Amino acid sequence: MNVDREKLRTIGFEAIKEFLRKLHILKSLGDYESGKKFFDGYSVVDEEMLKVRELVIANKVPRRINL
């Protein structure tokens, strides 16, 4: 998995903006069924992402304690 940090402020920002706009419209209309279906479609965790999660947890570094 590679992240192009140059695109976060451009393409990534626009994608998140559009997602939140759609979700907000469904929420404002009170359309629970469509909103839940829309959100759940993006929040499904597949096998590949479970493997990524395991790697992230395995390589987790404890927080530094600054006194």
PDB file of N, CA and C in Angstrom:
ATOM      1  N   MET A   1       0.852  -1.168   0.000  1.00  0.00           N
ATOM      2  CA  MET A   1       0.000   0.000   0.000  1.00  0.00           C
ATOM      3  C   MET A   1       0.899   1.232   0.000  1.00  0.00           C
ATOM      4  N   ASN A   2       0.691   2.082  -0.961  1.00  0.00           N
ATOM      5  CA  ASN A   2       1.467   3.312  -1.079  1.00  0.00           C
ATOM      6  C   ASN A   2       0.527   4.508  -1.028  1.00  0.00           C
ATOM      7  N   VAL A   3       0.972   5.552  -0.365  1.00  0.00           N
ATOM      8  CA  VAL A   3       0.194   6.783  -0.277  1.00  0.00           C
ATOM      9  C   VAL A   3       0.999   7.901  -0.928  1.00  0.00           C
ATOM     10  N   ASP A   4       0.420   8.528  -1.923  1.00  0.00           N
ATOM     11  CA  ASP A   4       1.055   9.669  -2.581  1.00  0.00           C
ATOM     12  C   ASP A   4       0.670  10.917  -1.791  1.00  0.00           C
ATOM     13  N   ARG A   5       1.564  11.375  -0.952  1.00  0.00           N
ATOM     14  CA  ARG A   5       1.276  12.502  -0.058  1.00  0.00           C
ATOM     15  C   ARG A   5       1.010  13.804  -0.804  1.00  0.00           C
ATOM     16  N   GLU A   6       1.492  13.900  -2.037  1.00  0.00           N
ATOM     17  CA  GLU A   6       1.253  15.098  -2.830  1.00  0.00           C
ATOM     18  C   GLU A   6      -0.220  15.239  -3.197  1.00  0.00           C
ATOM     19  N   LYS A   7      -0.934  14.131  -3.303  1.00  0.00           N
ATOM     20  CA  LYS A   7      -2.329  14.162  -3.721  1.00  0.00           C
ATOM     21  C   LYS A   7      -3.303  14.308  -2.545  1.00  0.00           C
ATOM     22  N   LEU A   8      -2.813  14.234  -1.318  1.00  0.00           N
ATOM     23  CA  LEU A   8      -3.701  14.339  -0.161  1.00  0.00           C
ATOM     24  C   LEU A   8      -4.429  15.670  -0.117  1.00  0.00           C
ATOM     25  N   ARG A   9      -3.733  16.746  -0.389  1.00  0.00           N
ATOM     26  CA  ARG A   9      -4.336  18.088  -0.312  1.00  0.00           C
ATOM     27  C   ARG A   9      -5.209  18.427  -1.516  1.00  0.00           C
ATOM     28  N   THR A  10      -5.072  17.685  -2.607  1.00  0.00           N
ATOM     29  CA  THR A  10      -5.848  17.998  -3.805  1.00  0.00           C
ATOM     30  C   THR A  10      -6.951  16.968  -4.019  1.00  0.00           C
ATOM     31  N   ILE A  11      -6.599  15.828  -4.555  1.00  0.00           N
ATOM     32  CA  ILE A  11      -7.587  14.792  -4.880  1.00  0.00           C
ATOM     33  C   ILE A  11      -8.221  14.224  -3.607  1.00  0.00           C
ATOM     34  N   GLY A  12      -7.402  13.972  -2.590  1.00  0.00           N
ATOM     35  CA  GLY A  12      -7.918  13.420  -1.335  1.00  0.00           C
ATOM     36  C   GLY A  12      -8.905  14.357  -0.662  1.00  0.00           C
ATOM     37  N   PHE A  13      -8.588  15.638  -0.625  1.00  0.00           N
ATOM     38  CA  PHE A  13      -9.473  16.629  -0.005  1.00  0.00           C
ATOM     39  C   PHE A  13     -10.815  16.679  -0.728  1.00  0.00           C
ATOM     40  N   GLU A  14     -10.768  16.681  -2.064  1.00  0.00           N
ATOM     41  CA  GLU A  14     -12.015  16.735  -2.840  1.00  0.00           C
ATOM     42  C   GLU A  14     -12.852  15.472  -2.633  1.00  0.00           C
ATOM     43  N   ALA A  15     -12.210  14.314  -2.540  1.00  0.00           N
ATOM     44  CA  ALA A  15     -12.941  13.058  -2.342  1.00  0.00           C
ATOM     45  C   ALA A  15     -13.639  13.040  -0.982  1.00  0.00           C
ATOM     46  N   ILE A  16     -12.941  13.469   0.065  1.00  0.00           N
ATOM     47  CA  ILE A  16     -13.534  13.512   1.404  1.00  0.00           C
ATOM     48  C   ILE A  16     -14.653  14.542   1.450  1.00  0.00           C
ATOM     49  N   LYS A  17     -14.453  15.680   0.796  1.00  0.00           N
ATOM     50  CA  LYS A  17     -15.473  16.725   0.760  1.00  0.00           C
ATOM     51  C   LYS A  17     -16.752  16.207   0.114  1.00  0.00           C
ATOM     52  N   GLU A  18     -16.611  15.512  -1.005  1.00  0.00           N
ATOM     53  CA  GLU A  18     -17.777  14.971  -1.710  1.00  0.00           C
ATOM     54  C   GLU A  18     -18.481  13.895  -0.883  1.00  0.00           C
ATOM     55  N   PHE A  19     -17.716  13.023  -0.228  1.00  0.00           N
ATOM     56  CA  PHE A  19     -18.285  11.983   0.621  1.00  0.00           C
ATOM     57  C   PHE A  19     -19.094  12.595   1.764  1.00  0.00           C
ATOM     58  N   LEU A  20     -18.513  13.561   2.460  1.00  0.00           N
ATOM     59  CA  LEU A  20     -19.204  14.195   3.583  1.00  0.00           C
ATOM     60  C   LEU A  20     -20.417  14.993   3.122  1.00  0.00           C
ATOM     61  N   ARG A  21     -20.337  15.593   1.951  1.00  0.00           N
ATOM     62  CA  ARG A  21     -21.481  16.336   1.413  1.00  0.00           C
ATOM     63  C   ARG A  21     -22.659  15.394   1.174  1.00  0.00           C
ATOM     64  N   LYS A  22     -22.397  14.257   0.535  1.00  0.00           N
ATOM     65  CA  LYS A  22     -23.461  13.287   0.274  1.00  0.00           C
ATOM     66  C   LYS A  22     -24.057  12.765   1.576  1.00  0.00           C
ATOM     67  N   LEU A  23     -23.184  12.443   2.533  1.00  0.00           N
ATOM     68  CA  LEU A  23     -23.648  11.935   3.820  1.00  0.00           C
ATOM     69  C   LEU A  23     -24.479  12.981   4.554  1.00  0.00           C
ATOM     70  N   HIS A  24     -24.063  14.229   4.502  1.00  0.00           N
ATOM     71  CA  HIS A  24     -24.794  15.313   5.155  1.00  0.00           C
ATOM     72  C   HIS A  24     -26.170  15.523   4.519  1.00  0.00           C
ATOM     73  N   ILE A  25     -26.242  15.425   3.205  1.00  0.00           N
ATOM     74  CA  ILE A  25     -27.536  15.580   2.519  1.00  0.00           C
ATOM     75  C   ILE A  25     -28.498  14.488   2.963  1.00  0.00           C
ATOM     76  N   LEU A  26     -28.021  13.244   3.009  1.00  0.00           N
ATOM     77  CA  LEU A  26     -28.887  12.144   3.444  1.00  0.00           C
ATOM     78  C   LEU A  26     -29.324  12.335   4.895  1.00  0.00           C
ATOM     79  N   LYS A  27     -28.403  12.810   5.736  1.00  0.00           N
ATOM     80  CA  LYS A  27     -28.732  13.058   7.141  1.00  0.00           C
ATOM     81  C   LYS A  27     -29.761  14.181   7.253  1.00  0.00           C
ATOM     82  N   SER A  28     -29.576  15.237   6.499  1.00  0.00           N
ATOM     83  CA  SER A  28     -30.487  16.379   6.562  1.00  0.00           C
ATOM     84  C   SER A  28     -31.885  16.013   6.086  1.00  0.00           C
ATOM     85  N   LEU A  29     -31.966  15.104   5.116  1.00  0.00           N
ATOM     86  CA  LEU A  29     -33.264  14.662   4.624  1.00  0.00           C
ATOM     87  C   LEU A  29     -33.939  13.674   5.573  1.00  0.00           C
ATOM     88  N   GLY A  30     -33.173  13.133   6.502  1.00  0.00           N
ATOM     89  CA  GLY A  30     -33.715  12.150   7.427  1.00  0.00           C
ATOM     90  C   GLY A  30     -33.899  10.794   6.777  1.00  0.00           C
ATOM     91  N   ASP A  31     -33.171  10.535   5.706  1.00  0.00           N
ATOM     92  CA  ASP A  31     -33.276   9.274   4.974  1.00  0.00           C
ATOM     93  C   ASP A  31     -32.307   8.267   5.592  1.00  0.00           C
ATOM     94  N   TYR A  32     -32.740   7.653   6.691  1.00  0.00           N
ATOM     95  CA  TYR A  32     -31.879   6.755   7.448  1.00  0.00           C
ATOM     96  C   TYR A  32     -31.439   5.552   6.624  1.00  0.00           C
ATOM     97  N   GLU A  33     -32.364   4.931   5.903  1.00  0.00           N
ATOM     98  CA  GLU A  33     -32.043   3.719   5.153  1.00  0.00           C
ATOM     99  C   GLU A  33     -30.974   3.972   4.091  1.00  0.00           C
ATOM    100  N   SER A  34     -31.134   5.028   3.322  1.00  0.00           N
ATOM    101  CA  SER A  34     -30.147   5.352   2.277  1.00  0.00           C
ATOM    102  C   SER A  34     -28.816   5.773   2.892  1.00  0.00           C
ATOM    103  N   GLY A  35     -28.871   6.533   3.984  1.00  0.00           N
ATOM    104  CA  GLY A  35     -27.649   6.966   4.655  1.00  0.00           C
ATOM    105  C   GLY A  35     -26.872   5.802   5.219  1.00  0.00           C
ATOM    106  N   LYS A  36     -27.574   4.872   5.838  1.00  0.00           N
ATOM    107  CA  LYS A  36     -26.906   3.694   6.403  1.00  0.00           C
ATOM    108  C   LYS A  36     -26.303   2.845   5.295  1.00  0.00           C
ATOM    109  N   LYS A  37     -27.043   2.637   4.220  1.00  0.00           N
ATOM    110  CA  LYS A  37     -26.549   1.845   3.095  1.00  0.00           C
ATOM    111  C   LYS A  37     -25.313   2.514   2.485  1.00  0.00           C
ATOM    112  N   PHE A  38     -25.365   3.833   2.322  1.00  0.00           N
ATOM    113  CA  PHE A  38     -24.245   4.594   1.756  1.00  0.00           C
ATOM    114  C   PHE A  38     -23.003   4.469   2.634  1.00  0.00           C
ATOM    115  N   PHE A  39     -23.158   4.696   3.947  1.00  0.00           N
ATOM    116  CA  PHE A  39     -22.017   4.668   4.866  1.00  0.00           C
ATOM    117  C   PHE A  39     -21.472   3.254   5.011  1.00  0.00           C
ATOM    118  N   ASP A  40     -22.359   2.262   5.150  1.00  0.00           N
ATOM    119  CA  ASP A  40     -21.910   0.881   5.326  1.00  0.00           C
ATOM    120  C   ASP A  40     -21.160   0.367   4.098  1.00  0.00           C
ATOM    121  N   GLY A  41     -21.495   0.865   2.935  1.00  0.00           N
ATOM    122  CA  GLY A  41     -20.773   0.469   1.731  1.00  0.00           C
ATOM    123  C   GLY A  41     -19.311   0.863   1.770  1.00  0.00           C
ATOM    124  N   TYR A  42     -19.000   1.945   2.453  1.00  0.00           N
ATOM    125  CA  TYR A  42     -17.618   2.407   2.559  1.00  0.00           C
ATOM    126  C   TYR A  42     -16.903   1.892   3.799  1.00  0.00           C
ATOM    127  N   SER A  43     -17.631   1.327   4.752  1.00  0.00           N
ATOM    128  CA  SER A  43     -17.002   0.908   5.999  1.00  0.00           C
ATOM    129  C   SER A  43     -16.831  -0.603   6.113  1.00  0.00           C
ATOM    130  N   VAL A  44     -16.992  -1.319   5.005  1.00  0.00           N
ATOM    131  CA  VAL A  44     -16.784  -2.769   5.013  1.00  0.00           C
ATOM    132  C   VAL A  44     -15.283  -3.047   5.071  1.00  0.00           C
ATOM    133  N   VAL A  45     -14.896  -3.964   5.959  1.00  0.00           N
ATOM    134  CA  VAL A  45     -13.488  -4.331   6.112  1.00  0.00           C
ATOM    135  C   VAL A  45     -13.277  -5.687   5.447  1.00  0.00           C
ATOM    136  N   ASP A  46     -12.432  -5.723   4.423  1.00  0.00           N
ATOM    137  CA  ASP A  46     -12.173  -6.979   3.734  1.00  0.00           C
ATOM    138  C   ASP A  46     -10.909  -7.649   4.290  1.00  0.00           C
ATOM    139  N   GLU A  47     -10.575  -8.801   3.748  1.00  0.00           N
ATOM    140  CA  GLU A  47      -9.429  -9.578   4.229  1.00  0.00           C
ATOM    141  C   GLU A  47      -8.111  -8.823   4.073  1.00  0.00           C
ATOM    142  N   GLU A  48      -7.960  -8.094   2.979  1.00  0.00           N
ATOM    143  CA  GLU A  48      -6.717  -7.354   2.752  1.00  0.00           C
ATOM    144  C   GLU A  48      -6.506  -6.285   3.818  1.00  0.00           C
ATOM    145  N   MET A  49      -7.567  -5.564   4.162  1.00  0.00           N
ATOM    146  CA  MET A  49      -7.432  -4.522   5.181  1.00  0.00           C
ATOM    147  C   MET A  49      -7.212  -5.117   6.568  1.00  0.00           C
ATOM    148  N   LEU A  50      -7.742  -6.314   6.829  1.00  0.00           N
ATOM    149  CA  LEU A  50      -7.462  -6.979   8.102  1.00  0.00           C
ATOM    150  C   LEU A  50      -5.979  -7.331   8.214  1.00  0.00           C
ATOM    151  N   LYS A  51      -5.369  -7.734   7.101  1.00  0.00           N
ATOM    152  CA  LYS A  51      -3.930  -8.023   7.100  1.00  0.00           C
ATOM    153  C   LYS A  51      -3.127  -6.748   7.353  1.00  0.00           C
ATOM    154  N   VAL A  52      -3.554  -5.651   6.725  1.00  0.00           N
ATOM    155  CA  VAL A  52      -2.878  -4.366   6.938  1.00  0.00           C
ATOM    156  C   VAL A  52      -2.992  -3.952   8.397  1.00  0.00           C
ATOM    157  N   ARG A  53      -4.162  -4.126   8.976  1.00  0.00           N
ATOM    158  CA  ARG A  53      -4.376  -3.782  10.389  1.00  0.00           C
ATOM    159  C   ARG A  53      -3.455  -4.592  11.292  1.00  0.00           C
ATOM    160  N   GLU A  54      -3.329  -5.895  11.025  1.00  0.00           N
ATOM    161  CA  GLU A  54      -2.440  -6.747  11.818  1.00  0.00           C
ATOM    162  C   GLU A  54      -0.998  -6.268  11.737  1.00  0.00           C
ATOM    163  N   LEU A  55      -0.560  -5.867  10.534  1.00  0.00           N
ATOM    164  CA  LEU A  55       0.807  -5.356  10.373  1.00  0.00           C
ATOM    165  C   LEU A  55       1.015  -4.059  11.151  1.00  0.00           C
ATOM    166  N   VAL A  56       0.032  -3.180  11.096  1.00  0.00           N
ATOM    167  CA  VAL A  56       0.144  -1.903  11.803  1.00  0.00           C
ATOM    168  C   VAL A  56       0.229  -2.140  13.309  1.00  0.00           C
ATOM    169  N   ILE A  57      -0.613  -3.018  13.825  1.00  0.00           N
ATOM    170  CA  ILE A  57      -0.602  -3.300  15.267  1.00  0.00           C
ATOM    171  C   ILE A  57       0.698  -3.985  15.668  1.00  0.00           C
ATOM    172  N   ALA A  58       1.201  -4.896  14.831  1.00  0.00           N
ATOM    173  CA  ALA A  58       2.449  -5.598  15.133  1.00  0.00           C
ATOM    174  C   ALA A  58       3.641  -4.640  15.175  1.00  0.00           C
ATOM    175  N   ASN A  59       3.611  -3.583  14.375  1.00  0.00           N
ATOM    176  CA  ASN A  59       4.733  -2.632  14.312  1.00  0.00           C
ATOM    177  C   ASN A  59       4.487  -1.362  15.115  1.00  0.00           C
ATOM    178  N   LYS A  60       3.484  -1.394  15.969  1.00  0.00           N
ATOM    179  CA  LYS A  60       3.123  -0.212  16.766  1.00  0.00           C
ATOM    180  C   LYS A  60       4.253   0.138  17.740  1.00  0.00           C
ATOM    181  N   VAL A  61       4.555   1.399  17.808  1.00  0.00           N
ATOM    182  CA  VAL A  61       5.583   1.914  18.712  1.00  0.00           C
ATOM    183  C   VAL A  61       4.880   2.604  19.874  1.00  0.00           C
ATOM    184  N   PRO A  62       5.281   2.315  21.109  1.00  0.00           N
ATOM    185  CA  PRO A  62       4.629   2.975  22.250  1.00  0.00           C
ATOM    186  C   PRO A  62       4.819   4.485  22.204  1.00  0.00           C
ATOM    187  N   ARG A  63       3.858   5.192  22.748  1.00  0.00           N
ATOM    188  CA  ARG A  63       3.958   6.655  22.800  1.00  0.00           C
ATOM    189  C   ARG A  63       5.101   7.083  23.696  1.00  0.00           C
ATOM    190  N   ARG A  64       5.726   8.188  23.307  1.00  0.00           N
ATOM    191  CA  ARG A  64       6.782   8.753  24.148  1.00  0.00           C
ATOM    192  C   ARG A  64       6.140   9.488  25.309  1.00  0.00           C
ATOM    193  N   ILE A  65       6.794   9.434  26.432  1.00  0.00           N
ATOM    194  CA  ILE A  65       6.326  10.159  27.607  1.00  0.00           C
ATOM    195  C   ILE A  65       7.254  11.348  27.808  1.00  0.00           C
ATOM    196  N   ASN A  66       6.717  12.536  27.629  1.00  0.00           N
ATOM    197  CA  ASN A  66       7.487  13.756  27.828  1.00  0.00           C
ATOM    198  C   ASN A  66       7.117  14.335  29.182  1.00  0.00           C
ATOM    199  N   LEU A  67       8.113  14.482  30.016  1.00  0.00           N
ATOM    200  CA  LEU A  67       7.873  15.049  31.351  1.00  0.00           C
ATOM    201  C   LEU A  67       8.217  16.496  31.415  1.00  0.00           C
TER     202      LEU A  67
END
